[in-house]
Amino acid sequence: MSRAVAIHTEAAAAARHARYGKLPVRIRFEDMTEEVEAEVSVGANAAYDPERSWNYYSCLALDLGL
């Protein structure tokens, strides 16, 4: 019976080594980053947009209506 367990253990170890025995291919940092053109800031010339006003500040007193 111990021989059957040893064969099963060896088979499991071989399967693990086949699946996890080597490290994945290394990815260069340049391949992980992407350069994107930023939006032009319109600053003080921007029209007020109530739907997006939360992007600029968050005030608990205003949120509660105080």
PDB file of N, CA and C in Angstrom:
ATOM      1  N   MET A   1       0.814  -1.187   0.000  1.00  0.00           N
ATOM      2  CA  MET A   1       0.000   0.000   0.000  1.00  0.00           C
ATOM      3  C   MET A   1       0.863   1.257   0.000  1.00  0.00           C
ATOM      4  N   SER A   2       2.001   1.223   0.686  1.00  0.00           N
ATOM      5  CA  SER A   2       2.858   2.400   0.735  1.00  0.00           C
ATOM      6  C   SER A   2       3.472   2.676  -0.636  1.00  0.00           C
ATOM      7  N   ARG A   3       3.650   1.625  -1.449  1.00  0.00           N
ATOM      8  CA  ARG A   3       4.184   1.820  -2.803  1.00  0.00           C
ATOM      9  C   ARG A   3       3.169   2.586  -3.649  1.00  0.00           C
ATOM     10  N   ALA A   4       1.893   2.283  -3.514  1.00  0.00           N
ATOM     11  CA  ALA A   4       0.850   2.985  -4.273  1.00  0.00           C
ATOM     12  C   ALA A   4       0.800   4.447  -3.863  1.00  0.00           C
ATOM     13  N   VAL A   5       0.972   4.723  -2.590  1.00  0.00           N
ATOM     14  CA  VAL A   5       0.976   6.111  -2.108  1.00  0.00           C
ATOM     15  C   VAL A   5       2.198   6.840  -2.655  1.00  0.00           C
ATOM     16  N   ALA A   6       3.341   6.169  -2.702  1.00  0.00           N
ATOM     17  CA  ALA A   6       4.563   6.781  -3.209  1.00  0.00           C
ATOM     18  C   ALA A   6       4.419   7.101  -4.698  1.00  0.00           C
ATOM     19  N   ILE A   7       3.811   6.210  -5.469  1.00  0.00           N
ATOM     20  CA  ILE A   7       3.602   6.457  -6.898  1.00  0.00           C
ATOM     21  C   ILE A   7       2.648   7.633  -7.087  1.00  0.00           C
ATOM     22  N   HIS A   8       1.592   7.662  -6.273  1.00  0.00           N
ATOM     23  CA  HIS A   8       0.616   8.755  -6.355  1.00  0.00           C
ATOM     24  C   HIS A   8       1.280  10.086  -5.981  1.00  0.00           C
ATOM     25  N   THR A   9       2.137  10.070  -4.978  1.00  0.00           N
ATOM     26  CA  THR A   9       2.835  11.281  -4.554  1.00  0.00           C
ATOM     27  C   THR A   9       3.809  11.744  -5.632  1.00  0.00           C
ATOM     28  N   GLU A  10       4.523  10.822  -6.242  1.00  0.00           N
ATOM     29  CA  GLU A  10       5.454  11.173  -7.317  1.00  0.00           C
ATOM     30  C   GLU A  10       4.703  11.743  -8.516  1.00  0.00           C
ATOM     31  N   ALA A  11       3.549  11.182  -8.843  1.00  0.00           N
ATOM     32  CA  ALA A  11       2.749  11.683  -9.960  1.00  0.00           C
ATOM     33  C   ALA A  11       2.235  13.086  -9.659  1.00  0.00           C
ATOM     34  N   ALA A  12       1.816  13.314  -8.422  1.00  0.00           N
ATOM     35  CA  ALA A  12       1.337  14.636  -8.039  1.00  0.00           C
ATOM     36  C   ALA A  12       2.476  15.657  -8.088  1.00  0.00           C
ATOM     37  N   ALA A  13       3.656  15.254  -7.631  1.00  0.00           N
ATOM     38  CA  ALA A  13       4.810  16.156  -7.674  1.00  0.00           C
ATOM     39  C   ALA A  13       5.184  16.469  -9.119  1.00  0.00           C
ATOM     40  N   ALA A  14       5.122  15.486 -10.002  1.00  0.00           N
ATOM     41  CA  ALA A  14       5.433  15.715 -11.417  1.00  0.00           C
ATOM     42  C   ALA A  14       4.407  16.655 -12.049  1.00  0.00           C
ATOM     43  N   ALA A  15       3.148  16.491 -11.695  1.00  0.00           N
ATOM     44  CA  ALA A  15       2.107  17.368 -12.234  1.00  0.00           C
ATOM     45  C   ALA A  15       2.295  18.797 -11.741  1.00  0.00           C
ATOM     46  N   ARG A  16       2.641  18.953 -10.461  1.00  0.00           N
ATOM     47  CA  ARG A  16       2.899  20.293  -9.909  1.00  0.00           C
ATOM     48  C   ARG A  16       4.088  20.943 -10.595  1.00  0.00           C
ATOM     49  N   HIS A  17       5.134  20.165 -10.802  1.00  0.00           N
ATOM     50  CA  HIS A  17       6.328  20.710 -11.445  1.00  0.00           C
ATOM     51  C   HIS A  17       6.033  21.101 -12.894  1.00  0.00           C
ATOM     52  N   ALA A  18       5.212  20.318 -13.584  1.00  0.00           N
ATOM     53  CA  ALA A  18       4.857  20.646 -14.966  1.00  0.00           C
ATOM     54  C   ALA A  18       4.053  21.938 -15.026  1.00  0.00           C
ATOM     55  N   ARG A  19       3.232  22.165 -14.023  1.00  0.00           N
ATOM     56  CA  ARG A  19       2.377  23.358 -14.040  1.00  0.00           C
ATOM     57  C   ARG A  19       3.074  24.586 -13.453  1.00  0.00           C
ATOM     58  N   TYR A  20       3.787  24.418 -12.354  1.00  0.00           N
ATOM     59  CA  TYR A  20       4.371  25.554 -11.634  1.00  0.00           C
ATOM     60  C   TYR A  20       5.892  25.525 -11.592  1.00  0.00           C
ATOM     61  N   GLY A  21       6.514  24.673 -12.359  1.00  0.00           N
ATOM     62  CA  GLY A  21       7.950  24.477 -12.256  1.00  0.00           C
ATOM     63  C   GLY A  21       8.807  25.607 -12.771  1.00  0.00           C
ATOM     64  N   LYS A  22       8.240  26.543 -13.530  1.00  0.00           N
ATOM     65  CA  LYS A  22       9.053  27.647 -14.042  1.00  0.00           C
ATOM     66  C   LYS A  22       8.303  28.963 -13.843  1.00  0.00           C
ATOM     67  N   LEU A  23       9.058  30.027 -13.777  1.00  0.00           N
ATOM     68  CA  LEU A  23       8.467  31.343 -13.597  1.00  0.00           C
ATOM     69  C   LEU A  23       7.875  31.837 -14.914  1.00  0.00           C
ATOM     70  N   PRO A  24       6.871  32.694 -14.844  1.00  0.00           N
ATOM     71  CA  PRO A  24       6.313  33.237 -16.087  1.00  0.00           C
ATOM     72  C   PRO A  24       7.314  34.159 -16.768  1.00  0.00           C
ATOM     73  N   VAL A  25       7.080  34.438 -18.014  1.00  0.00           N
ATOM     74  CA  VAL A  25       7.958  35.307 -18.786  1.00  0.00           C
ATOM     75  C   VAL A  25       7.930  36.706 -18.180  1.00  0.00           C
ATOM     76  N   ARG A  26       9.086  37.315 -18.021  1.00  0.00           N
ATOM     77  CA  ARG A  26       9.183  38.633 -17.407  1.00  0.00           C
ATOM     78  C   ARG A  26       8.646  39.699 -18.369  1.00  0.00           C
ATOM     79  N   ILE A  27       7.847  40.627 -17.833  1.00  0.00           N
ATOM     80  CA  ILE A  27       7.288  41.719 -18.618  1.00  0.00           C
ATOM     81  C   ILE A  27       8.082  42.972 -18.312  1.00  0.00           C
ATOM     82  N   ARG A  28       8.551  43.651 -19.350  1.00  0.00           N
ATOM     83  CA  ARG A  28       9.326  44.873 -19.152  1.00  0.00           C
ATOM     84  C   ARG A  28       8.422  45.993 -18.651  1.00  0.00           C
ATOM     85  N   PHE A  29       8.999  46.928 -17.895  1.00  0.00           N
ATOM     86  CA  PHE A  29       8.245  48.052 -17.360  1.00  0.00           C
ATOM     87  C   PHE A  29       7.667  48.896 -18.489  1.00  0.00           C
ATOM     88  N   GLU A  30       8.394  49.053 -19.571  1.00  0.00           N
ATOM     89  CA  GLU A  30       7.924  49.850 -20.698  1.00  0.00           C
ATOM     90  C   GLU A  30       6.654  49.255 -21.311  1.00  0.00           C
ATOM     91  N   ASP A  31       6.502  47.937 -21.214  1.00  0.00           N
ATOM     92  CA  ASP A  31       5.311  47.292 -21.758  1.00  0.00           C
ATOM     93  C   ASP A  31       4.115  47.411 -20.823  1.00  0.00           C
ATOM     94  N   MET A  32       4.348  47.763 -19.561  1.00  0.00           N
ATOM     95  CA  MET A  32       3.258  47.882 -18.599  1.00  0.00           C
ATOM     96  C   MET A  32       2.706  49.294 -18.498  1.00  0.00           C
ATOM     97  N   THR A  33       3.386  50.277 -19.075  1.00  0.00           N
ATOM     98  CA  THR A  33       2.941  51.662 -18.979  1.00  0.00           C
ATOM     99  C   THR A  33       2.499  52.172 -20.340  1.00  0.00           C
ATOM    100  N   GLU A  34       1.675  53.195 -20.303  1.00  0.00           N
ATOM    101  CA  GLU A  34       1.177  53.774 -21.536  1.00  0.00           C
ATOM    102  C   GLU A  34       1.119  55.281 -21.365  1.00  0.00           C
ATOM    103  N   GLU A  35       1.616  55.995 -22.334  1.00  0.00           N
ATOM    104  CA  GLU A  35       1.562  57.450 -22.285  1.00  0.00           C
ATOM    105  C   GLU A  35       0.289  57.920 -22.968  1.00  0.00           C
ATOM    106  N   VAL A  36      -0.437  58.802 -22.275  1.00  0.00           N
ATOM    107  CA  VAL A  36      -1.688  59.331 -22.791  1.00  0.00           C
ATOM    108  C   VAL A  36      -1.640  60.842 -22.689  1.00  0.00           C
ATOM    109  N   GLU A  37      -2.090  61.506 -23.728  1.00  0.00           N
ATOM    110  CA  GLU A  37      -2.136  62.963 -23.722  1.00  0.00           C
ATOM    111  C   GLU A  37      -3.173  63.436 -22.698  1.00  0.00           C
ATOM    112  N   ALA A  38      -2.774  64.371 -21.841  1.00  0.00           N
ATOM    113  CA  ALA A  38      -3.669  64.882 -20.814  1.00  0.00           C
ATOM    114  C   ALA A  38      -4.638  65.891 -21.422  1.00  0.00           C
ATOM    115  N   GLU A  39      -5.803  66.029 -20.751  1.00  0.00           N
ATOM    116  CA  GLU A  39      -6.774  67.019 -21.198  1.00  0.00           C
ATOM    117  C   GLU A  39      -6.237  68.417 -20.945  1.00  0.00           C
ATOM    118  N   VAL A  40      -6.632  69.329 -21.796  1.00  0.00           N
ATOM    119  CA  VAL A  40      -6.236  70.717 -21.613  1.00  0.00           C
ATOM    120  C   VAL A  40      -7.062  71.295 -20.474  1.00  0.00           C
ATOM    121  N   SER A  41      -6.397  71.914 -19.528  1.00  0.00           N
ATOM    122  CA  SER A  41      -7.097  72.518 -18.396  1.00  0.00           C
ATOM    123  C   SER A  41      -7.718  73.835 -18.838  1.00  0.00           C
ATOM    124  N   VAL A  42      -9.008  73.979 -18.597  1.00  0.00           N
ATOM    125  CA  VAL A  42      -9.695  75.201 -19.007  1.00  0.00           C
ATOM    126  C   VAL A  42      -9.740  76.219 -17.887  1.00  0.00           C
ATOM    127  N   GLY A  43      -9.432  75.820 -16.673  1.00  0.00           N
ATOM    128  CA  GLY A  43      -9.310  76.744 -15.551  1.00  0.00           C
ATOM    129  C   GLY A  43     -10.532  77.587 -15.298  1.00  0.00           C
ATOM    130  N   ALA A  44     -10.341  78.904 -15.166  1.00  0.00           N
ATOM    131  CA  ALA A  44     -11.412  79.826 -14.796  1.00  0.00           C
ATOM    132  C   ALA A  44     -12.395  80.039 -15.940  1.00  0.00           C
ATOM    133  N   ASN A  45     -12.060  79.684 -17.139  1.00  0.00           N
ATOM    134  CA  ASN A  45     -12.943  79.892 -18.278  1.00  0.00           C
ATOM    135  C   ASN A  45     -14.014  78.813 -18.396  1.00  0.00           C
ATOM    136  N   ALA A  46     -13.967  77.808 -17.550  1.00  0.00           N
ATOM    137  CA  ALA A  46     -14.916  76.699 -17.637  1.00  0.00           C
ATOM    138  C   ALA A  46     -16.293  77.142 -17.149  1.00  0.00           C
ATOM    139  N   ALA A  47     -17.319  76.665 -17.814  1.00  0.00           N
ATOM    140  CA  ALA A  47     -18.691  76.939 -17.384  1.00  0.00           C
ATOM    141  C   ALA A  47     -19.015  76.035 -16.190  1.00  0.00           C
ATOM    142  N   TYR A  48     -19.894  76.498 -15.316  1.00  0.00           N
ATOM    143  CA  TYR A  48     -20.287  75.711 -14.146  1.00  0.00           C
ATOM    144  C   TYR A  48     -21.128  74.526 -14.594  1.00  0.00           C
ATOM    145  N   ASP A  49     -20.747  73.364 -14.156  1.00  0.00           N
ATOM    146  CA  ASP A  49     -21.476  72.143 -14.482  1.00  0.00           C
ATOM    147  C   ASP A  49     -21.846  71.461 -13.173  1.00  0.00           C
ATOM    148  N   PRO A  50     -23.115  71.555 -12.742  1.00  0.00           N
ATOM    149  CA  PRO A  50     -23.491  70.983 -11.447  1.00  0.00           C
ATOM    150  C   PRO A  50     -23.310  69.467 -11.367  1.00  0.00           C
ATOM    151  N   GLU A  51     -23.361  68.779 -12.497  1.00  0.00           N
ATOM    152  CA  GLU A  51     -23.184  67.328 -12.495  1.00  0.00           C
ATOM    153  C   GLU A  51     -21.754  66.934 -12.151  1.00  0.00           C
ATOM    154  N   ARG A  52     -20.788  67.777 -12.472  1.00  0.00           N
ATOM    155  CA  ARG A  52     -19.382  67.457 -12.237  1.00  0.00           C
ATOM    156  C   ARG A  52     -18.760  68.297 -11.138  1.00  0.00           C
ATOM    157  N   SER A  53     -19.556  69.074 -10.420  1.00  0.00           N
ATOM    158  CA  SER A  53     -18.989  69.975  -9.414  1.00  0.00           C
ATOM    159  C   SER A  53     -18.333  69.206  -8.268  1.00  0.00           C
ATOM    160  N   TRP A  54     -18.756  67.981  -8.022  1.00  0.00           N
ATOM    161  CA  TRP A  54     -18.153  67.196  -6.944  1.00  0.00           C
ATOM    162  C   TRP A  54     -16.699  66.862  -7.236  1.00  0.00           C
ATOM    163  N   ASN A  55     -16.269  66.985  -8.474  1.00  0.00           N
ATOM    164  CA  ASN A  55     -14.880  66.696  -8.822  1.00  0.00           C
ATOM    165  C   ASN A  55     -13.911  67.695  -8.200  1.00  0.00           C
ATOM    166  N   TYR A  56     -14.369  68.884  -7.870  1.00  0.00           N
ATOM    167  CA  TYR A  56     -13.478  69.941  -7.441  1.00  0.00           C
ATOM    168  C   TYR A  56     -13.350  70.057  -5.928  1.00  0.00           C
ATOM    169  N   TYR A  57     -14.387  69.758  -5.195  1.00  0.00           N
ATOM    170  CA  TYR A  57     -14.296  69.843  -3.738  1.00  0.00           C
ATOM    171  C   TYR A  57     -15.327  68.926  -3.103  1.00  0.00           C
ATOM    172  N   SER A  58     -15.122  68.659  -1.840  1.00  0.00           N
ATOM    173  CA  SER A  58     -16.082  67.895  -1.065  1.00  0.00           C
ATOM    174  C   SER A  58     -16.163  68.533   0.311  1.00  0.00           C
ATOM    175  N   CYS A  59     -17.351  68.943   0.692  1.00  0.00           N
ATOM    176  CA  CYS A  59     -17.542  69.609   1.973  1.00  0.00           C
ATOM    177  C   CYS A  59     -18.724  68.956   2.665  1.00  0.00           C
ATOM    178  N   LEU A  60     -18.499  68.373   3.830  1.00  0.00           N
ATOM    179  CA  LEU A  60     -19.552  67.682   4.551  1.00  0.00           C
ATOM    180  C   LEU A  60     -20.663  68.630   4.937  1.00  0.00           C
ATOM    181  N   ALA A  61     -20.326  69.858   5.346  1.00  0.00           N
ATOM    182  CA  ALA A  61     -21.363  70.824   5.732  1.00  0.00           C
ATOM    183  C   ALA A  61     -22.287  71.138   4.545  1.00  0.00           C
ATOM    184  N   LEU A  62     -21.731  71.288   3.354  1.00  0.00           N
ATOM    185  CA  LEU A  62     -22.568  71.535   2.182  1.00  0.00           C
ATOM    186  C   LEU A  62     -23.388  70.295   1.833  1.00  0.00           C
ATOM    187  N   ASP A  63     -22.794  69.132   1.963  1.00  0.00           N
ATOM    188  CA  ASP A  63     -23.521  67.900   1.662  1.00  0.00           C
ATOM    189  C   ASP A  63     -24.724  67.728   2.583  1.00  0.00           C
ATOM    190  N   LEU A  64     -24.582  68.141   3.841  1.00  0.00           N
ATOM    191  CA  LEU A  64     -25.669  68.017   4.807  1.00  0.00           C
ATOM    192  C   LEU A  64     -26.634  69.188   4.746  1.00  0.00           C
ATOM    193  N   GLY A  65     -26.318  70.208   3.967  1.00  0.00           N
ATOM    194  CA  GLY A  65     -27.185  71.372   3.848  1.00  0.00           C
ATOM    195  C   GLY A  65     -27.084  72.301   5.030  1.00  0.00           C
ATOM    196  N   LEU A  66     -25.950  72.335   5.697  1.00  0.00           N
ATOM    197  CA  LEU A  66     -25.787  73.202   6.873  1.00  0.00           C
ATOM    198  C   LEU A  66     -25.281  74.572   6.483  1.00  0.00           C
TER     199      LEU A  66
END
